[in-house]
Amino acid sequence: MNIVRNCIAHGDRIPDKYFGAEGGRQGLAGPVNFITVLDDSLSFIVRKTLLRIVRDDLVENFKSKRESSRFWKKMGV
């Protein structure tokens, strides 16, 4: 999976083998390729992040890039 991440990060073409069923995992409806696994993971992280921002009333901390940077700095990230 790091190879796919590196290709995305550096703007390189993702090798075809990562779009196929081989090398992935077995899902309920058959083989699942790496790209699908990454897509599912990303959507989970984004959804959980947005839900926490709304649930914990943190929206004000993300109104601008400056506010966001300040928030993460305060959190030690």
N, C-alpha and C. Protein backbone atom coordinates (compact mmCIF):
# COMPACT_ATOMS: atom_id res chain seq x y z
N MET A 1 0.82 -1.19 0.00
CA MET A 1 0.00 0.00 0.00
C MET A 1 0.87 1.26 0.00
N ASN A 2 2.07 1.18 0.56
CA ASN A 2 2.95 2.34 0.55
C ASN A 2 3.32 2.75 -0.86
N ILE A 3 3.39 1.79 -1.75
CA ILE A 3 3.73 2.09 -3.15
C ILE A 3 2.63 2.96 -3.76
N VAL A 4 1.37 2.62 -3.51
CA VAL A 4 0.25 3.41 -4.02
C VAL A 4 0.29 4.80 -3.42
N ARG A 5 0.51 4.89 -2.12
CA ARG A 5 0.60 6.19 -1.45
C ARG A 5 1.72 7.03 -2.04
N ASN A 6 2.88 6.44 -2.26
CA ASN A 6 4.01 7.17 -2.82
C ASN A 6 3.73 7.64 -4.24
N CYS A 7 3.06 6.81 -5.02
CA CYS A 7 2.70 7.21 -6.39
C CYS A 7 1.78 8.43 -6.36
N ILE A 8 0.79 8.40 -5.48
CA ILE A 8 -0.14 9.53 -5.36
C ILE A 8 0.60 10.77 -4.89
N ALA A 9 1.44 10.63 -3.86
CA ALA A 9 2.15 11.77 -3.28
C ALA A 9 3.11 12.42 -4.27
N HIS A 10 3.70 11.62 -5.15
CA HIS A 10 4.69 12.15 -6.08
C HIS A 10 4.16 12.36 -7.49
N GLY A 11 2.86 12.14 -7.66
CA GLY A 11 2.26 12.38 -8.97
C GLY A 11 2.62 11.35 -10.02
N ASP A 12 3.02 10.16 -9.57
CA ASP A 12 3.37 9.08 -10.50
C ASP A 12 2.14 8.24 -10.82
N ARG A 13 2.27 7.49 -11.88
CA ARG A 13 1.18 6.59 -12.27
C ARG A 13 1.14 5.40 -11.33
N ILE A 14 -0.06 5.03 -10.87
CA ILE A 14 -0.23 3.86 -10.01
C ILE A 14 -0.18 2.62 -10.90
N PRO A 15 0.67 1.65 -10.56
CA PRO A 15 0.76 0.43 -11.38
C PRO A 15 -0.58 -0.28 -11.50
N ASP A 16 -0.83 -0.84 -12.66
CA ASP A 16 -2.10 -1.52 -12.94
C ASP A 16 -2.45 -2.62 -11.94
N LYS A 17 -1.43 -3.29 -11.40
CA LYS A 17 -1.70 -4.42 -10.51
C LYS A 17 -2.50 -4.02 -9.27
N TYR A 18 -2.46 -2.75 -8.87
CA TYR A 18 -3.19 -2.31 -7.69
C TYR A 18 -4.67 -2.07 -7.98
N PHE A 19 -5.05 -2.08 -9.25
CA PHE A 19 -6.45 -1.92 -9.62
C PHE A 19 -7.13 -3.28 -9.81
N GLY A 20 -6.34 -4.34 -9.86
CA GLY A 20 -6.88 -5.67 -10.06
C GLY A 20 -7.19 -6.35 -8.74
N ALA A 21 -7.83 -7.50 -8.81
CA ALA A 21 -8.25 -8.23 -7.62
C ALA A 21 -7.08 -8.94 -6.94
N GLU A 22 -6.06 -9.32 -7.69
CA GLU A 22 -4.94 -10.05 -7.09
C GLU A 22 -4.16 -9.14 -6.14
N GLY A 23 -3.79 -9.69 -5.02
CA GLY A 23 -3.03 -8.92 -4.05
C GLY A 23 -3.88 -8.14 -3.07
N GLY A 24 -5.17 -8.08 -3.32
CA GLY A 24 -6.06 -7.38 -2.41
C GLY A 24 -6.51 -8.31 -1.29
N ARG A 25 -7.69 -8.10 -0.81
CA ARG A 25 -8.23 -8.98 0.23
C ARG A 25 -9.56 -9.54 -0.24
N GLN A 26 -10.01 -10.55 0.45
CA GLN A 26 -11.28 -11.18 0.12
C GLN A 26 -12.41 -10.42 0.82
N GLY A 27 -13.37 -9.94 0.06
CA GLY A 27 -14.52 -9.25 0.63
C GLY A 27 -15.73 -10.15 0.63
N LEU A 28 -16.86 -9.65 1.05
CA LEU A 28 -18.09 -10.44 1.10
C LEU A 28 -18.56 -10.85 -0.29
N ALA A 29 -18.31 -9.98 -1.29
CA ALA A 29 -18.76 -10.27 -2.65
C ALA A 29 -17.61 -10.70 -3.55
N GLY A 30 -16.48 -11.10 -2.96
CA GLY A 30 -15.33 -11.52 -3.74
C GLY A 30 -14.11 -10.66 -3.45
N PRO A 31 -13.11 -10.75 -4.30
CA PRO A 31 -11.86 -10.01 -4.07
C PRO A 31 -12.06 -8.50 -4.11
N VAL A 32 -11.31 -7.80 -3.26
CA VAL A 32 -11.34 -6.34 -3.19
C VAL A 32 -9.93 -5.84 -3.46
N ASN A 33 -9.78 -4.91 -4.42
CA ASN A 33 -8.44 -4.44 -4.75
C ASN A 33 -7.95 -3.37 -3.77
N PHE A 34 -6.66 -3.04 -3.86
CA PHE A 34 -6.02 -2.09 -2.95
C PHE A 34 -6.66 -0.70 -3.03
N ILE A 35 -7.01 -0.27 -4.22
CA ILE A 35 -7.58 1.07 -4.40
C ILE A 35 -8.90 1.19 -3.65
N THR A 36 -9.71 0.15 -3.70
CA THR A 36 -10.99 0.15 -2.99
C THR A 36 -10.76 0.20 -1.48
N VAL A 37 -9.77 -0.54 -0.99
CA VAL A 37 -9.45 -0.53 0.43
C VAL A 37 -9.01 0.86 0.86
N LEU A 38 -8.14 1.50 0.07
CA LEU A 38 -7.68 2.86 0.39
C LEU A 38 -8.83 3.86 0.36
N ASP A 39 -9.70 3.73 -0.62
CA ASP A 39 -10.85 4.63 -0.75
C ASP A 39 -11.77 4.49 0.47
N ASP A 40 -12.04 3.26 0.88
CA ASP A 40 -12.87 3.03 2.05
C ASP A 40 -12.22 3.61 3.32
N SER A 41 -10.93 3.42 3.44
CA SER A 41 -10.21 3.94 4.60
C SER A 41 -10.26 5.46 4.66
N LEU A 42 -10.04 6.08 3.52
CA LEU A 42 -10.06 7.54 3.46
C LEU A 42 -11.44 8.08 3.81
N SER A 43 -12.49 7.48 3.27
CA SER A 43 -13.84 7.97 3.56
C SER A 43 -14.17 7.80 5.04
N PHE A 44 -13.69 6.73 5.67
CA PHE A 44 -13.91 6.52 7.10
C PHE A 44 -13.23 7.62 7.92
N ILE A 45 -11.97 7.91 7.59
CA ILE A 45 -11.21 8.93 8.32
C ILE A 45 -11.86 10.31 8.17
N VAL A 46 -12.24 10.66 6.96
CA VAL A 46 -12.87 11.97 6.72
C VAL A 46 -14.20 12.06 7.47
N ARG A 47 -15.00 11.02 7.39
CA ARG A 47 -16.31 11.02 8.06
C ARG A 47 -16.16 11.15 9.57
N LYS A 48 -15.27 10.37 10.18
CA LYS A 48 -15.05 10.44 11.62
C LYS A 48 -14.52 11.82 12.04
N THR A 49 -13.65 12.39 11.23
CA THR A 49 -13.09 13.71 11.54
C THR A 49 -14.18 14.77 11.52
N LEU A 50 -14.99 14.79 10.46
CA LEU A 50 -16.05 15.78 10.37
C LEU A 50 -17.09 15.61 11.48
N LEU A 51 -17.43 14.39 11.80
CA LEU A 51 -18.39 14.15 12.88
C LEU A 51 -17.85 14.65 14.22
N ARG A 52 -16.57 14.45 14.45
CA ARG A 52 -15.99 14.93 15.72
C ARG A 52 -15.94 16.46 15.76
N ILE A 53 -15.60 17.08 14.65
CA ILE A 53 -15.57 18.54 14.60
C ILE A 53 -16.95 19.10 14.94
N VAL A 54 -17.99 18.52 14.37
CA VAL A 54 -19.35 18.99 14.63
C VAL A 54 -19.79 18.63 16.05
N ARG A 55 -19.57 17.38 16.45
CA ARG A 55 -20.02 16.91 17.77
C ARG A 55 -19.36 17.70 18.91
N ASP A 56 -18.06 17.97 18.78
CA ASP A 56 -17.33 18.67 19.83
C ASP A 56 -17.33 20.19 19.66
N ASP A 57 -18.17 20.67 18.74
CA ASP A 57 -18.32 22.11 18.49
C ASP A 57 -16.97 22.78 18.22
N LEU A 58 -16.24 22.21 17.29
CA LEU A 58 -14.90 22.72 16.94
C LEU A 58 -14.90 23.51 15.63
N VAL A 59 -16.06 23.77 15.07
CA VAL A 59 -16.16 24.41 13.76
C VAL A 59 -15.41 25.74 13.72
N GLU A 60 -15.49 26.52 14.79
CA GLU A 60 -14.81 27.82 14.83
C GLU A 60 -13.30 27.68 14.64
N ASN A 61 -12.75 26.54 15.04
CA ASN A 61 -11.30 26.31 14.91
C ASN A 61 -10.88 26.01 13.47
N PHE A 62 -11.83 25.83 12.57
CA PHE A 62 -11.50 25.46 11.20
C PHE A 62 -12.11 26.40 10.17
N LYS A 63 -12.43 27.61 10.59
CA LYS A 63 -13.03 28.60 9.69
C LYS A 63 -12.03 29.16 8.69
N SER A 64 -10.75 29.12 9.03
CA SER A 64 -9.73 29.63 8.12
C SER A 64 -8.46 28.79 8.31
N LYS A 65 -7.56 28.95 7.38
CA LYS A 65 -6.29 28.23 7.46
C LYS A 65 -5.54 28.64 8.73
N ARG A 66 -5.59 29.92 9.05
CA ARG A 66 -4.90 30.42 10.24
C ARG A 66 -5.48 29.81 11.52
N GLU A 67 -6.82 29.76 11.62
CA GLU A 67 -7.47 29.17 12.79
C GLU A 67 -7.13 27.68 12.90
N SER A 68 -7.13 27.02 11.77
CA SER A 68 -6.81 25.59 11.76
C SER A 68 -5.38 25.35 12.23
N SER A 69 -4.45 26.15 11.72
CA SER A 69 -3.04 26.01 12.13
C SER A 69 -2.88 26.28 13.62
N ARG A 70 -3.57 27.27 14.10
CA ARG A 70 -3.52 27.61 15.52
C ARG A 70 -4.06 26.45 16.37
N PHE A 71 -5.16 25.86 15.91
CA PHE A 71 -5.77 24.73 16.63
C PHE A 71 -4.78 23.57 16.74
N TRP A 72 -4.19 23.18 15.60
CA TRP A 72 -3.27 22.04 15.61
C TRP A 72 -2.02 22.33 16.42
N LYS A 73 -1.56 23.57 16.38
CA LYS A 73 -0.39 23.94 17.18
C LYS A 73 -0.72 23.82 18.67
N LYS A 74 -1.91 24.28 19.05
CA LYS A 74 -2.36 24.18 20.44
C LYS A 74 -2.46 22.73 20.88
N MET A 75 -2.82 21.84 19.93
CA MET A 75 -2.96 20.41 20.24
C MET A 75 -1.60 19.69 20.22
N GLY A 76 -0.55 20.40 19.81
CA GLY A 76 0.78 19.79 19.77
C GLY A 76 1.04 18.94 18.54
N VAL A 77 0.29 19.20 17.50
CA VAL A 77 0.45 18.41 16.27
C VAL A 77 1.19 19.24 15.23
